[in-house]
All heavy atoms as atom14 arrays in JSON, in Angstrom:
{
  "sequence": "KPVRVSYPRKWNLNQILFSSKNRNASFELEKELDTGDLIL",
  "atom14_mask": [
    [1, 1, 1, 1, 1, 1, 1, 1, 1, 0, 0, 0, 0, 0],
    [1, 1, 1, 1, 1, 1, 1, 0, 0, 0, 0, 0, 0, 0],
    [1, 1, 1, 1, 1, 1, 1, 0, 0, 0, 0, 0, 0, 0],
    [1, 1, 1, 1, 1, 1, 1, 1, 1, 1, 1, 0, 0, 0],
    [1, 1, 1, 1, 1, 1, 1, 0, 0, 0, 0, 0, 0, 0],
    [1, 1, 1, 1, 1, 1, 0, 0, 0, 0, 0, 0, 0, 0],
    [1, 1, 1, 1, 1, 1, 1, 1, 1, 1, 1, 1, 0, 0],
    [1, 1, 1, 1, 1, 1, 1, 0, 0, 0, 0, 0, 0, 0],
    [1, 1, 1, 1, 1, 1, 1, 1, 1, 1, 1, 0, 0, 0],
    [1, 1, 1, 1, 1, 1, 1, 1, 1, 0, 0, 0, 0, 0],
    [1, 1, 1, 1, 1, 1, 1, 1, 1, 1, 1, 1, 1, 1],
    [1, 1, 1, 1, 1, 1, 1, 1, 0, 0, 0, 0, 0, 0],
    [1, 1, 1, 1, 1, 1, 1, 1, 0, 0, 0, 0, 0, 0],
    [1, 1, 1, 1, 1, 1, 1, 1, 0, 0, 0, 0, 0, 0],
    [1, 1, 1, 1, 1, 1, 1, 1, 1, 0, 0, 0, 0, 0],
    [1, 1, 1, 1, 1, 1, 1, 1, 0, 0, 0, 0, 0, 0],
    [1, 1, 1, 1, 1, 1, 1, 1, 0, 0, 0, 0, 0, 0],
    [1, 1, 1, 1, 1, 1, 1, 1, 1, 1, 1, 0, 0, 0],
    [1, 1, 1, 1, 1, 1, 0, 0, 0, 0, 0, 0, 0, 0],
    [1, 1, 1, 1, 1, 1, 0, 0, 0, 0, 0, 0, 0, 0],
    [1, 1, 1, 1, 1, 1, 1, 1, 1, 0, 0, 0, 0, 0],
    [1, 1, 1, 1, 1, 1, 1, 1, 0, 0, 0, 0, 0, 0],
    [1, 1, 1, 1, 1, 1, 1, 1, 1, 1, 1, 0, 0, 0],
    [1, 1, 1, 1, 1, 1, 1, 1, 0, 0, 0, 0, 0, 0],
    [1, 1, 1, 1, 1, 0, 0, 0, 0, 0, 0, 0, 0, 0],
    [1, 1, 1, 1, 1, 1, 0, 0, 0, 0, 0, 0, 0, 0],
    [1, 1, 1, 1, 1, 1, 1, 1, 1, 1, 1, 0, 0, 0],
    [1, 1, 1, 1, 1, 1, 1, 1, 1, 0, 0, 0, 0, 0],
    [1, 1, 1, 1, 1, 1, 1, 1, 0, 0, 0, 0, 0, 0],
    [1, 1, 1, 1, 1, 1, 1, 1, 1, 0, 0, 0, 0, 0],
    [1, 1, 1, 1, 1, 1, 1, 1, 1, 0, 0, 0, 0, 0],
    [1, 1, 1, 1, 1, 1, 1, 1, 1, 0, 0, 0, 0, 0],
    [1, 1, 1, 1, 1, 1, 1, 1, 0, 0, 0, 0, 0, 0],
    [1, 1, 1, 1, 1, 1, 1, 1, 0, 0, 0, 0, 0, 0],
    [1, 1, 1, 1, 1, 1, 1, 0, 0, 0, 0, 0, 0, 0],
    [1, 1, 1, 1, 0, 0, 0, 0, 0, 0, 0, 0, 0, 0],
    [1, 1, 1, 1, 1, 1, 1, 1, 0, 0, 0, 0, 0, 0],
    [1, 1, 1, 1, 1, 1, 1, 1, 0, 0, 0, 0, 0, 0],
    [1, 1, 1, 1, 1, 1, 1, 1, 0, 0, 0, 0, 0, 0],
    [1, 1, 1, 1, 1, 1, 1, 1, 0, 0, 0, 0, 0, 0]
  ],
  "atom14_positions": [
    [[-13.82, -3.77, -5.43], [-12.76, -2.91, -5.58], [-11.89, -2.9, -4.36], [-12.13, -3.51, -3.3], [-13.27, -1.42, -5.62], [-14.3, -1.16, -6.87], [-14.72, 0.28, -6.79], [-15.73, 0.54, -8.02], [-16.15, 1.84, -7.94], [0.0, 0.0, 0.0], [0.0, 0.0, 0.0], [0.0, 0.0, 0.0], [0.0, 0.0, 0.0], [0.0, 0.0, 0.0]],
    [[-10.5, -2.56, -4.63], [-9.62, -2.49, -3.51], [-9.99, -1.61, -2.35], [-10.67, -0.57, -2.61], [-8.21, -2.0, -4.04], [-8.34, -2.21, -5.55], [-9.85, -2.2, -5.94], [0.0, 0.0, 0.0], [0.0, 0.0, 0.0], [0.0, 0.0, 0.0], [0.0, 0.0, 0.0], [0.0, 0.0, 0.0], [0.0, 0.0, 0.0], [0.0, 0.0, 0.0]],
    [[-9.76, -1.96, -1.17], [-10.18, -1.23, 0.06], [-8.98, -1.06, 0.95], [-8.22, -1.98, 1.27], [-11.21, -2.03, 0.75], [-11.59, -1.38, 2.11], [-12.66, -1.91, -0.09], [0.0, 0.0, 0.0], [0.0, 0.0, 0.0], [0.0, 0.0, 0.0], [0.0, 0.0, 0.0], [0.0, 0.0, 0.0], [0.0, 0.0, 0.0], [0.0, 0.0, 0.0]],
    [[-8.88, 0.13, 1.36], [-7.82, 0.43, 2.4], [-8.47, 0.37, 3.77], [-9.34, 1.02, 4.18], [-7.25, 1.91, 2.15], [-6.17, 2.26, 3.18], [-5.79, 3.77, 2.98], [-5.07, 4.03, 1.64], [-3.82, 3.91, 1.36], [-2.99, 3.5, 2.49], [-3.27, 3.98, 0.29], [0.0, 0.0, 0.0], [0.0, 0.0, 0.0], [0.0, 0.0, 0.0]],
    [[-7.78, -0.34, 4.62], [-8.17, -0.68, 6.07], [-7.14, -0.04, 7.0], [-5.93, -0.47, 6.9], [-8.49, -2.1, 6.27], [-8.91, -2.39, 7.82], [-9.56, -2.68, 5.38], [0.0, 0.0, 0.0], [0.0, 0.0, 0.0], [0.0, 0.0, 0.0], [0.0, 0.0, 0.0], [0.0, 0.0, 0.0], [0.0, 0.0, 0.0], [0.0, 0.0, 0.0]],
    [[-7.5, 0.84, 7.8], [-6.61, 1.32, 8.88], [-6.93, 0.44, 10.22], [-7.92, 0.54, 10.73], [-6.82, 2.8, 9.18], [-6.51, 3.52, 7.92], [0.0, 0.0, 0.0], [0.0, 0.0, 0.0], [0.0, 0.0, 0.0], [0.0, 0.0, 0.0], [0.0, 0.0, 0.0], [0.0, 0.0, 0.0], [0.0, 0.0, 0.0], [0.0, 0.0, 0.0]],
    [[-5.97, -0.27, 10.45], [-6.13, -1.18, 11.71], [-5.29, -0.6, 12.98], [-4.33, 0.19, 12.78], [-5.62, -2.6, 11.41], [-4.21, -2.74, 10.94], [-3.17, -2.93, 11.88], [-3.95, -2.67, 9.66], [-1.9, -3.12, 11.36], [-2.58, -2.65, 9.2], [-1.62, -2.97, 10.15], [-0.25, -2.97, 9.75], [0.0, 0.0, 0.0], [0.0, 0.0, 0.0]],
    [[-5.57, -0.97, 14.11], [-4.77, -0.52, 15.26], [-3.45, -0.8, 15.22], [-2.94, -1.96, 14.93], [-5.58, -1.25, 16.42], [-6.93, -1.62, 15.99], [-6.77, -1.83, 14.54], [0.0, 0.0, 0.0], [0.0, 0.0, 0.0], [0.0, 0.0, 0.0], [0.0, 0.0, 0.0], [0.0, 0.0, 0.0], [0.0, 0.0, 0.0], [0.0, 0.0, 0.0]],
    [[-2.59, 0.05, 15.65], [-1.15, -0.1, 15.55], [-0.57, -1.05, 16.4], [0.33, -1.76, 15.98], [-0.52, 1.35, 15.95], [1.02, 1.32, 15.6], [1.69, 2.63, 16.08], [3.02, 2.72, 15.87], [3.85, 3.64, 16.1], [3.33, 4.79, 16.69], [5.15, 3.65, 15.73], [0.0, 0.0, 0.0], [0.0, 0.0, 0.0], [0.0, 0.0, 0.0]],
    [[-1.21, -1.44, 17.42], [-0.75, -2.46, 18.44], [-0.84, -3.88, 17.66], [-0.38, -4.93, 18.24], [-1.39, -2.39, 19.69], [-2.91, -2.6, 19.78], [-3.43, -2.39, 21.09], [-4.91, -2.64, 21.13], [-5.52, -2.31, 22.44], [0.0, 0.0, 0.0], [0.0, 0.0, 0.0], [0.0, 0.0, 0.0], [0.0, 0.0, 0.0], [0.0, 0.0, 0.0]],
    [[-1.66, -4.0, 16.68], [-1.85, -5.3, 15.96], [-0.51, -5.61, 15.21], [-0.13, -4.78, 14.44], [-2.97, -5.3, 14.96], [-4.35, -5.22, 15.72], [-4.66, -4.96, 16.96], [-5.61, -5.52, 14.9], [-5.91, -5.1, 17.14], [-6.58, -5.44, 16.04], [-5.98, -5.83, 13.7], [-8.01, -5.6, 15.71], [-7.33, -6.07, 13.42], [-8.27, -6.02, 14.45]],
    [[0.13, -6.62, 15.59], [1.22, -6.96, 14.88], [1.14, -7.91, 13.74], [1.14, -9.22, 14.1], [2.35, -7.53, 15.94], [2.64, -6.52, 16.9], [2.85, -5.36, 16.71], [2.5, -7.0, 18.28], [0.0, 0.0, 0.0], [0.0, 0.0, 0.0], [0.0, 0.0, 0.0], [0.0, 0.0, 0.0], [0.0, 0.0, 0.0], [0.0, 0.0, 0.0]],
    [[1.07, -7.49, 12.62], [0.77, -8.3, 11.33], [1.96, -8.77, 10.66], [2.47, -8.31, 9.81], [-0.18, -7.55, 10.41], [-1.71, -7.49, 10.49], [-2.03, -6.93, 11.81], [-2.32, -6.59, 9.43], [0.0, 0.0, 0.0], [0.0, 0.0, 0.0], [0.0, 0.0, 0.0], [0.0, 0.0, 0.0], [0.0, 0.0, 0.0], [0.0, 0.0, 0.0]],
    [[2.66, -9.8, 11.37], [4.0, -10.09, 11.1], [4.02, -11.29, 10.11], [5.0, -11.3, 9.24], [4.7, -10.68, 12.21], [4.98, -9.52, 13.28], [5.04, -8.26, 12.87], [5.03, -9.9, 14.52], [0.0, 0.0, 0.0], [0.0, 0.0, 0.0], [0.0, 0.0, 0.0], [0.0, 0.0, 0.0], [0.0, 0.0, 0.0], [0.0, 0.0, 0.0]],
    [[3.04, -12.09, 9.94], [3.13, -13.23, 9.15], [1.84, -13.54, 8.51], [0.77, -13.64, 9.07], [3.63, -14.51, 9.84], [3.52, -15.71, 9.03], [3.76, -16.97, 9.94], [4.01, -16.98, 11.15], [3.94, -18.21, 9.3], [0.0, 0.0, 0.0], [0.0, 0.0, 0.0], [0.0, 0.0, 0.0], [0.0, 0.0, 0.0], [0.0, 0.0, 0.0]],
    [[1.78, -13.75, 7.07], [0.54, -14.17, 6.36], [0.29, -15.59, 6.45], [1.26, -16.34, 6.06], [0.68, -13.65, 4.94], [0.72, -12.08, 4.85], [-0.56, -14.2, 4.13], [0.87, -11.74, 3.47], [0.0, 0.0, 0.0], [0.0, 0.0, 0.0], [0.0, 0.0, 0.0], [0.0, 0.0, 0.0], [0.0, 0.0, 0.0], [0.0, 0.0, 0.0]],
    [[-0.7, -16.03, 7.02], [-1.12, -17.45, 6.97], [-1.98, -17.79, 5.89], [-1.85, -19.01, 5.47], [-1.8, -17.68, 8.26], [-1.12, -17.45, 9.72], [-2.06, -17.76, 10.79], [0.25, -18.37, 9.79], [0.0, 0.0, 0.0], [0.0, 0.0, 0.0], [0.0, 0.0, 0.0], [0.0, 0.0, 0.0], [0.0, 0.0, 0.0], [0.0, 0.0, 0.0]],
    [[-2.58, -16.89, 5.27], [-3.67, -17.15, 4.21], [-4.03, -15.98, 3.5], [-4.26, -14.92, 4.16], [-4.84, -17.91, 4.9], [-5.98, -18.02, 3.86], [-5.97, -19.17, 2.98], [-6.96, -17.2, 3.7], [-7.11, -19.4, 2.1], [-8.13, -17.39, 2.8], [-8.04, -18.38, 2.01], [0.0, 0.0, 0.0], [0.0, 0.0, 0.0], [0.0, 0.0, 0.0]],
    [[-4.08, -16.03, 2.17], [-4.61, -15.01, 1.39], [-5.49, -15.73, 0.28], [-4.99, -16.68, -0.53], [-3.51, -14.15, 0.7], [-4.2, -13.37, -0.31], [0.0, 0.0, 0.0], [0.0, 0.0, 0.0], [0.0, 0.0, 0.0], [0.0, 0.0, 0.0], [0.0, 0.0, 0.0], [0.0, 0.0, 0.0], [0.0, 0.0, 0.0], [0.0, 0.0, 0.0]],
    [[-6.67, -15.31, 0.14], [-7.6, -15.96, -0.92], [-7.1, -15.66, -2.22], [-7.63, -16.19, -3.27], [-9.14, -15.59, -0.53], [-9.19, -14.13, -0.78], [0.0, 0.0, 0.0], [0.0, 0.0, 0.0], [0.0, 0.0, 0.0], [0.0, 0.0, 0.0], [0.0, 0.0, 0.0], [0.0, 0.0, 0.0], [0.0, 0.0, 0.0], [0.0, 0.0, 0.0]],
    [[-6.3, -14.52, -2.4], [-5.73, -14.16, -3.62], [-4.3, -14.59, -3.84], [-3.49, -14.1, -4.72], [-5.84, -12.57, -3.83], [-7.29, -12.12, -3.93], [-8.05, -12.59, -5.14], [-9.36, -12.09, -5.23], [-9.41, -10.68, -5.79], [0.0, 0.0, 0.0], [0.0, 0.0, 0.0], [0.0, 0.0, 0.0], [0.0, 0.0, 0.0], [0.0, 0.0, 0.0]],
    [[-3.84, -15.45, -2.89], [-2.57, -16.09, -2.97], [-1.39, -15.1, -2.93], [-0.32, -15.37, -3.45], [-2.39, -17.0, -4.23], [-3.31, -18.14, -4.33], [-3.54, -18.86, -3.28], [-3.89, -18.34, -5.51], [0.0, 0.0, 0.0], [0.0, 0.0, 0.0], [0.0, 0.0, 0.0], [0.0, 0.0, 0.0], [0.0, 0.0, 0.0], [0.0, 0.0, 0.0]],
    [[-1.59, -14.0, -2.14], [-0.52, -13.15, -1.9], [0.42, -13.77, -0.86], [-0.14, -14.43, 0.02], [-0.99, -11.82, -1.45], [-1.6, -11.04, -2.4], [-1.55, -9.49, -2.1], [-2.68, -9.11, -1.25], [-2.86, -7.94, -0.84], [-2.03, -6.85, -1.3], [-3.9, -7.51, 0.01], [0.0, 0.0, 0.0], [0.0, 0.0, 0.0], [0.0, 0.0, 0.0]],
    [[1.71, -13.5, -0.99], [2.58, -14.21, -0.06], [3.13, -13.23, 0.99], [2.95, -12.06, 0.84], [3.81, -14.84, -0.86], [4.51, -13.97, -1.63], [4.7, -12.82, -1.23], [4.94, -14.55, -2.69], [0.0, 0.0, 0.0], [0.0, 0.0, 0.0], [0.0, 0.0, 0.0], [0.0, 0.0, 0.0], [0.0, 0.0, 0.0], [0.0, 0.0, 0.0]],
    [[4.11, -13.74, 1.85], [4.67, -12.9, 2.89], [5.42, -11.73, 2.46], [5.82, -10.86, 3.19], [5.24, -13.66, 3.91], [0.0, 0.0, 0.0], [0.0, 0.0, 0.0], [0.0, 0.0, 0.0], [0.0, 0.0, 0.0], [0.0, 0.0, 0.0], [0.0, 0.0, 0.0], [0.0, 0.0, 0.0], [0.0, 0.0, 0.0], [0.0, 0.0, 0.0]],
    [[5.67, -11.5, 1.14], [6.65, -10.54, 0.69], [6.07, -9.16, 0.51], [6.85, -8.16, 0.54], [7.29, -11.0, -0.66], [6.17, -11.1, -1.6], [0.0, 0.0, 0.0], [0.0, 0.0, 0.0], [0.0, 0.0, 0.0], [0.0, 0.0, 0.0], [0.0, 0.0, 0.0], [0.0, 0.0, 0.0], [0.0, 0.0, 0.0], [0.0, 0.0, 0.0]],
    [[4.8, -9.02, 0.44], [4.18, -7.65, 0.32], [4.26, -6.92, 1.7], [3.95, -7.5, 2.74], [2.85, -7.74, -0.36], [1.71, -7.95, 0.55], [1.01, -6.86, 1.18], [1.17, -9.22, 0.78], [-0.08, -7.03, 1.99], [0.1, -9.26, 1.68], [-0.47, -8.24, 2.33], [0.0, 0.0, 0.0], [0.0, 0.0, 0.0], [0.0, 0.0, 0.0]],
    [[4.56, -5.6, 1.54], [4.61, -4.87, 2.71], [3.39, -4.08, 3.03], [2.65, -3.8, 2.17], [5.83, -3.74, 2.55], [7.18, -4.59, 2.4], [8.33, -3.44, 2.29], [8.05, -2.29, 2.25], [9.37, -3.97, 2.21], [0.0, 0.0, 0.0], [0.0, 0.0, 0.0], [0.0, 0.0, 0.0], [0.0, 0.0, 0.0], [0.0, 0.0, 0.0]],
    [[3.29, -3.78, 4.34], [2.14, -2.98, 4.9], [2.58, -1.56, 5.07], [3.62, -1.23, 5.66], [1.73, -3.43, 6.11], [1.21, -4.99, 6.16], [0.74, -5.44, 7.53], [0.22, -5.31, 5.13], [0.0, 0.0, 0.0], [0.0, 0.0, 0.0], [0.0, 0.0, 0.0], [0.0, 0.0, 0.0], [0.0, 0.0, 0.0], [0.0, 0.0, 0.0]],
    [[1.79, -0.65, 4.58], [2.07, 0.83, 4.86], [1.68, 1.26, 6.23], [0.75, 0.74, 6.79], [1.19, 1.66, 3.89], [1.43, 1.35, 2.35], [0.55, 2.13, 1.47], [0.15, 3.28, 1.81], [0.26, 1.74, 0.4], [0.0, 0.0, 0.0], [0.0, 0.0, 0.0], [0.0, 0.0, 0.0], [0.0, 0.0, 0.0], [0.0, 0.0, 0.0]],
    [[2.58, 1.99, 6.87], [2.44, 2.35, 8.3], [2.22, 3.89, 8.24], [2.58, 4.75, 7.57], [3.73, 2.09, 9.05], [4.24, 0.54, 8.98], [3.19, -0.18, 9.84], [3.76, -1.71, 9.98], [2.95, -2.55, 10.88], [0.0, 0.0, 0.0], [0.0, 0.0, 0.0], [0.0, 0.0, 0.0], [0.0, 0.0, 0.0], [0.0, 0.0, 0.0]],
    [[1.39, 4.27, 9.33], [1.1, 5.6, 9.8], [1.37, 5.71, 11.21], [1.95, 4.82, 11.81], [-0.27, 6.03, 9.48], [-0.64, 6.13, 7.95], [-1.99, 6.71, 7.64], [-2.74, 6.86, 8.62], [-2.27, 6.9, 6.52], [0.0, 0.0, 0.0], [0.0, 0.0, 0.0], [0.0, 0.0, 0.0], [0.0, 0.0, 0.0], [0.0, 0.0, 0.0]],
    [[1.35, 6.97, 11.76], [1.73, 7.09, 13.21], [0.81, 6.31, 14.06], [1.47, 5.52, 14.97], [1.62, 8.65, 13.52], [2.58, 9.54, 12.9], [2.35, 11.09, 13.32], [3.98, 9.21, 13.38], [0.0, 0.0, 0.0], [0.0, 0.0, 0.0], [0.0, 0.0, 0.0], [0.0, 0.0, 0.0], [0.0, 0.0, 0.0], [0.0, 0.0, 0.0]],
    [[-0.4, 6.32, 13.99], [-1.31, 5.65, 14.94], [-1.84, 4.38, 14.39], [-2.37, 3.54, 15.21], [-2.38, 6.66, 15.4], [-1.8, 7.79, 16.06], [-0.93, 7.6, 16.96], [-2.36, 8.83, 15.8], [0.0, 0.0, 0.0], [0.0, 0.0, 0.0], [0.0, 0.0, 0.0], [0.0, 0.0, 0.0], [0.0, 0.0, 0.0], [0.0, 0.0, 0.0]],
    [[-1.73, 4.15, 13.14], [-2.44, 3.02, 12.63], [-1.49, 2.43, 11.51], [-0.68, 3.14, 10.92], [-3.84, 3.26, 11.92], [-3.55, 4.19, 10.84], [-4.76, 3.94, 12.99], [0.0, 0.0, 0.0], [0.0, 0.0, 0.0], [0.0, 0.0, 0.0], [0.0, 0.0, 0.0], [0.0, 0.0, 0.0], [0.0, 0.0, 0.0], [0.0, 0.0, 0.0]],
    [[-1.77, 1.25, 11.1], [-1.19, 0.58, 9.98], [-2.25, 0.59, 8.76], [-3.41, 0.56, 9.25], [0.0, 0.0, 0.0], [0.0, 0.0, 0.0], [0.0, 0.0, 0.0], [0.0, 0.0, 0.0], [0.0, 0.0, 0.0], [0.0, 0.0, 0.0], [0.0, 0.0, 0.0], [0.0, 0.0, 0.0], [0.0, 0.0, 0.0], [0.0, 0.0, 0.0]],
    [[-1.79, 0.69, 7.66], [-2.84, 0.67, 6.54], [-2.57, -0.67, 5.85], [-1.43, -0.99, 5.48], [-2.65, 1.91, 5.47], [-3.4, 3.07, 6.18], [-3.86, 2.95, 7.15], [-3.31, 4.09, 5.44], [0.0, 0.0, 0.0], [0.0, 0.0, 0.0], [0.0, 0.0, 0.0], [0.0, 0.0, 0.0], [0.0, 0.0, 0.0], [0.0, 0.0, 0.0]],
    [[-3.64, -1.33, 5.44], [-3.54, -2.56, 4.69], [-4.59, -2.3, 3.49], [-5.73, -2.02, 3.72], [-4.04, -3.71, 5.45], [-4.29, -5.03, 4.7], [-2.92, -5.46, 4.14], [-4.76, -6.08, 5.69], [0.0, 0.0, 0.0], [0.0, 0.0, 0.0], [0.0, 0.0, 0.0], [0.0, 0.0, 0.0], [0.0, 0.0, 0.0], [0.0, 0.0, 0.0]],
    [[-4.08, -2.57, 2.2], [-4.85, -2.43, 1.11], [-5.25, -3.85, 0.68], [-4.51, -4.66, 0.3], [-4.21, -1.76, -0.12], [-3.95, -0.22, 0.36], [-5.14, -1.75, -1.26], [-3.05, 0.56, -0.64], [0.0, 0.0, 0.0], [0.0, 0.0, 0.0], [0.0, 0.0, 0.0], [0.0, 0.0, 0.0], [0.0, 0.0, 0.0], [0.0, 0.0, 0.0]],
    [[-6.48, -4.08, 0.9], [-7.11, -5.35, 0.42], [-7.54, -5.39, -0.98], [-8.06, -4.36, -1.48], [-8.31, -5.69, 1.27], [-8.11, -5.91, 2.73], [-9.42, -6.06, 3.59], [-7.24, -7.16, 3.06], [0.0, 0.0, 0.0], [0.0, 0.0, 0.0], [0.0, 0.0, 0.0], [0.0, 0.0, 0.0], [0.0, 0.0, 0.0], [0.0, 0.0, 0.0]]
  ]
}
């Protein structure tokens, strides 16, 4: 199932190098105050 991951805010996820589901760099990451959220 899809999973939401809250990762440290200081991680700068600027560029997608690889997605096993072929997602490209156009999808956005949701941001919170202290963390970013990524839905896998």
